[in-house]
Amino acid sequence: MYKILLVEDDRALADMLAKSITAWNYEVCYVRNFQNIIEEYEEFQPHLVLLDIMLPFYNGYHWCTELRKRSTVPIVFLSSASDNMNIVMAMQMGGDDFIAKPVDVTVLIAKIRAILRRTYDMNDTSPTLKHMGAVLNLNNNTLEYNGKSTELTKNEFRILQTLMEHKGKIVSRDTLMIKLWQADCYVEENTLTVNVTRLRKKLAELGLSDFIKTKVGSGYIIEM
């Protein structure tokens, strides 16, 4: 689910926009502390920011500049000041689009969907295996979960790849040994146990404890 940070101090408008956006199955978070928008941005880690220009304390141009120091997240400006000068300024400050108030919700949703599709779907060209939020990248042997990433050794990667490809089914130790044999002349029985232990430790560090379960006498399984 894509996450959208809404930086709008008109609460009635913010409520209306949030309700409309949520109906499209996006997660919306309001900014509440307009003195420190960056802190709320970093805590929420949104995929897109809707940013009003006229805000308490500092304007939207200031916060766009601060966000651009940290991120390339798409930023869509919202403003009743929709003259050419403000539109050009918004783009020059690092904005990706500009929507005039009063906001046409149909146009807003269309722009949000288009920007998210261009930014994320078209860039998501790496082959992956996914399960319960965990993403195994088949090109670079990395595992991602909840915004964190870890690099796997060749053996750890082969084990996890095999288990994820057969999720919901028990994979025997013999099957996993064969996978490890593909790269090594000989693999001792203990090598599999050591690699599974190391892999589980990396998974736990990402927050994926008990991702791989042992079936005594049978092998291992990633449950559905």
Protein backbone atom coordinates (compact mmCIF):
# COMPACT_ATOMS: atom_id res chain seq x y z
CA MET A 1 0.00 0.00 0.00
CA TYR A 2 1.40 3.38 -1.01
CA LYS A 3 1.70 5.98 1.75
CA ILE A 4 0.87 9.66 1.24
CA LEU A 5 1.86 12.46 3.59
CA LEU A 6 -0.67 15.29 3.60
CA VAL A 7 0.76 18.69 4.58
CA GLU A 8 -2.37 20.87 4.75
CA ASP A 9 -3.31 23.13 7.67
CA ASP A 10 -6.97 23.54 6.63
CA ARG A 11 -8.34 20.60 8.61
CA ALA A 12 -11.68 20.47 6.82
CA LEU A 13 -9.93 20.27 3.45
CA ALA A 14 -7.41 17.78 4.81
CA ASP A 15 -10.22 15.53 6.08
CA MET A 16 -11.96 15.65 2.71
CA LEU A 17 -8.79 14.88 0.79
CA ALA A 18 -7.78 12.09 3.14
CA LYS A 19 -11.18 10.44 2.85
CA SER A 20 -11.06 10.60 -0.96
CA ILE A 21 -7.49 9.31 -1.19
CA THR A 22 -8.06 6.52 1.33
CA ALA A 23 -10.99 5.29 -0.76
CA TRP A 24 -8.42 4.41 -3.43
CA ASN A 25 -6.61 2.14 -0.97
CA TYR A 26 -3.77 4.53 -0.13
CA GLU A 27 -2.58 5.16 3.44
CA VAL A 28 -2.75 8.83 4.42
CA CYS A 29 -1.00 10.58 7.30
CA TYR A 30 -1.70 14.18 8.33
CA VAL A 31 1.11 16.46 9.43
CA ARG A 32 0.24 17.80 12.87
CA ASN A 33 3.44 19.57 13.89
CA PHE A 34 3.95 22.28 11.26
CA GLN A 35 7.14 23.42 13.00
CA ASN A 36 8.90 20.15 12.22
CA ILE A 37 7.46 18.55 9.13
CA ILE A 38 10.72 16.72 8.40
CA GLU A 39 10.43 14.71 11.62
CA GLU A 40 6.96 13.51 10.67
CA TYR A 41 8.13 12.77 7.12
CA GLU A 42 11.01 10.62 8.35
CA GLU A 43 8.77 8.77 10.79
CA PHE A 44 6.10 7.99 8.16
CA GLN A 45 8.39 7.45 5.12
CA PRO A 46 5.72 8.26 2.50
CA HIS A 47 5.81 7.43 -1.20
CA LEU A 48 4.36 10.85 -2.10
CA VAL A 49 3.89 14.23 -0.37
CA LEU A 50 0.94 16.58 -0.93
CA LEU A 51 2.24 19.98 0.14
CA ASP A 52 0.31 23.22 0.63
CA ILE A 53 2.26 26.44 -0.01
CA MET A 54 0.73 28.65 2.69
CA LEU A 55 1.51 26.97 6.01
CA PRO A 56 2.11 28.09 9.61
CA PHE A 57 5.71 28.99 10.55
CA TYR A 58 7.38 28.16 7.18
CA ASN A 59 5.86 27.94 3.72
CA GLY A 60 5.73 24.93 1.42
CA TYR A 61 8.71 26.13 -0.62
CA HIS A 62 10.88 25.94 2.50
CA TRP A 63 9.75 22.41 3.30
CA CYS A 64 10.15 21.28 -0.30
CA THR A 65 13.77 22.48 -0.20
CA GLU A 66 14.35 20.63 3.08
CA LEU A 67 12.79 17.43 1.72
CA ARG A 68 14.91 17.61 -1.42
CA LYS A 69 18.05 17.63 0.75
CA ARG A 70 17.02 14.19 1.99
CA SER A 71 14.85 12.51 -0.61
CA THR A 72 13.63 12.30 -4.20
CA VAL A 73 10.09 11.50 -3.00
CA PRO A 74 7.46 12.92 -5.41
CA ILE A 75 6.04 16.24 -4.14
CA VAL A 76 2.74 17.66 -5.39
CA PHE A 77 1.98 21.26 -4.43
CA LEU A 78 -1.54 22.34 -3.50
CA SER A 79 -2.33 26.04 -3.52
CA SER A 80 -4.96 28.68 -4.22
CA ALA A 81 -2.06 30.86 -5.42
CA SER A 82 -2.09 29.22 -8.83
CA ASP A 83 -0.63 32.01 -10.94
CA ASN A 84 2.21 31.20 -13.29
CA MET A 85 4.82 32.64 -10.92
CA ASN A 86 3.90 30.23 -8.11
CA ILE A 87 3.65 27.26 -10.45
CA VAL A 88 7.11 27.97 -11.88
CA MET A 89 8.50 28.53 -8.38
CA ALA A 90 7.05 25.22 -7.19
CA MET A 91 8.67 23.33 -10.06
CA GLN A 92 12.01 25.08 -9.59
CA MET A 93 12.01 24.23 -5.88
CA GLY A 94 11.75 20.52 -6.72
CA GLY A 95 8.01 19.92 -7.00
CA ASP A 96 6.73 17.25 -9.38
CA ASP A 97 3.30 18.72 -10.02
CA PHE A 98 0.96 21.55 -9.00
CA ILE A 99 -2.78 21.39 -8.30
CA ALA A 100 -4.83 24.53 -7.87
CA LYS A 101 -7.39 25.03 -5.11
CA PRO A 102 -10.27 24.46 -4.93
CA VAL A 103 -9.05 20.93 -5.53
CA ASP A 104 -10.80 18.77 -8.09
CA VAL A 105 -10.57 15.40 -6.36
CA THR A 106 -10.87 13.48 -9.64
CA VAL A 107 -7.87 15.31 -11.05
CA LEU A 108 -5.94 14.90 -7.80
CA ILE A 109 -6.45 11.14 -7.71
CA ALA A 110 -5.53 10.81 -11.39
CA LYS A 111 -2.29 12.74 -10.83
CA ILE A 112 -1.42 10.76 -7.69
CA ARG A 113 -1.93 7.46 -9.51
CA ALA A 114 0.09 8.58 -12.53
CA ILE A 115 3.01 9.86 -10.43
CA LEU A 116 3.13 6.74 -8.25
CA ARG A 117 2.99 4.52 -11.34
CA ARG A 118 5.81 6.41 -13.06
CA THR A 119 7.95 6.63 -9.95
CA TYR A 120 7.61 3.15 -8.54
CA ASP A 121 5.97 0.66 -10.91
CA MET A 122 8.18 1.55 -13.89
CA ASN A 123 11.31 1.48 -11.75
CA ASP A 124 10.42 -1.88 -10.26
CA THR A 125 12.09 -3.89 -13.02
CA SER A 126 14.26 -6.15 -10.85
CA PRO A 127 12.95 -9.71 -10.53
CA THR A 128 11.88 -10.39 -6.96
CA LEU A 129 10.25 -12.94 -4.70
CA LYS A 130 7.81 -11.49 -2.16
CA HIS A 131 6.14 -12.88 0.93
CA MET A 132 4.50 -11.12 3.89
CA GLY A 133 6.31 -7.86 3.14
CA ALA A 134 9.73 -9.46 2.63
CA VAL A 135 11.26 -8.81 -0.81
CA LEU A 136 14.12 -10.96 -2.10
CA ASN A 137 15.91 -9.28 -5.02
CA LEU A 138 17.11 -11.96 -7.42
CA ASN A 139 19.61 -9.66 -9.12
CA ASN A 140 21.73 -8.55 -6.18
CA ASN A 141 21.12 -11.12 -3.40
CA THR A 142 19.52 -8.58 -1.05
CA LEU A 143 16.51 -8.96 1.21
CA GLU A 144 14.31 -5.98 2.09
CA TYR A 145 11.70 -5.68 4.80
CA ASN A 146 9.98 -2.73 6.44
CA GLY A 147 12.35 -0.17 4.92
CA LYS A 148 15.51 -2.08 5.90
CA SER A 149 17.81 -4.19 3.75
CA THR A 150 20.46 -6.84 4.25
CA GLU A 151 22.88 -8.52 1.89
CA LEU A 152 22.94 -12.32 1.78
CA THR A 153 25.81 -14.64 1.01
CA LYS A 154 25.43 -16.92 -2.01
CA ASN A 155 24.44 -19.87 0.16
CA GLU A 156 22.01 -17.85 2.30
CA PHE A 157 20.44 -16.50 -0.87
CA ARG A 158 20.03 -19.96 -2.44
CA ILE A 159 18.40 -21.31 0.70
CA LEU A 160 15.96 -18.42 1.03
CA GLN A 161 15.18 -18.38 -2.69
CA THR A 162 14.32 -22.08 -2.64
CA LEU A 163 12.13 -21.74 0.45
CA MET A 164 10.29 -18.68 -0.91
CA GLU A 165 9.72 -20.39 -4.26
CA HIS A 166 8.09 -23.26 -2.35
CA LYS A 167 6.37 -21.25 0.39
CA GLY A 168 3.68 -23.24 2.13
CA LYS A 169 5.52 -26.48 1.42
CA ILE A 170 8.20 -28.30 3.38
CA VAL A 171 11.57 -28.28 1.60
CA SER A 172 13.78 -31.20 2.56
CA ARG A 173 17.35 -30.79 3.70
CA ASP A 174 18.43 -32.91 0.73
CA THR A 175 16.81 -30.44 -1.70
CA LEU A 176 18.59 -27.52 -0.06
CA MET A 177 21.90 -29.42 -0.06
CA ILE A 178 21.54 -29.90 -3.81
CA LYS A 179 21.03 -26.15 -4.21
CA LEU A 180 24.24 -25.48 -2.30
CA TRP A 181 26.09 -28.12 -4.31
CA GLN A 182 25.49 -26.12 -7.47
CA ALA A 183 28.33 -23.78 -6.53
CA ASP A 184 30.55 -26.02 -4.41
CA CYS A 185 32.31 -29.28 -5.12
CA TYR A 186 31.20 -30.70 -1.80
CA VAL A 187 28.96 -29.47 1.00
CA GLU A 188 28.99 -31.07 4.43
CA GLU A 189 25.69 -31.69 6.24
CA ASN A 190 26.69 -29.21 8.93
CA THR A 191 27.18 -26.47 6.30
CA LEU A 192 23.43 -26.29 5.71
CA THR A 193 22.69 -25.95 9.42
CA VAL A 194 25.28 -23.20 9.82
CA ASN A 195 23.93 -21.24 6.84
CA VAL A 196 20.31 -21.55 7.98
CA THR A 197 21.33 -20.30 11.43
CA ARG A 198 23.12 -17.28 9.92
CA LEU A 199 20.20 -16.60 7.60
CA ARG A 200 17.73 -16.69 10.50
CA LYS A 201 19.87 -14.20 12.40
CA LYS A 202 19.78 -11.77 9.46
CA LEU A 203 16.03 -12.24 9.13
CA ALA A 204 15.53 -11.54 12.84
CA GLU A 205 17.60 -8.35 12.57
CA LEU A 206 15.15 -7.15 9.89
CA GLY A 207 12.19 -8.02 12.13
CA LEU A 208 11.41 -11.38 10.51
CA SER A 209 11.74 -13.75 13.45
CA ASP A 210 10.33 -17.25 12.83
CA PHE A 211 10.16 -16.55 9.08
CA ILE A 212 11.77 -19.95 8.47
CA LYS A 213 10.36 -22.79 10.55
CA THR A 214 11.99 -26.18 11.14
CA LYS A 215 9.99 -29.33 10.56
CA VAL A 216 11.88 -31.93 12.56
CA GLY A 217 12.82 -34.93 10.47
CA SER A 218 11.48 -33.29 7.29
CA GLY A 219 13.23 -29.99 6.53
CA TYR A 220 12.24 -26.32 6.54
CA ILE A 221 9.21 -24.29 5.57
CA ILE A 222 8.09 -20.69 5.05
CA GLU A 223 4.43 -20.84 5.99
CA MET A 224 1.70 -19.08 4.03
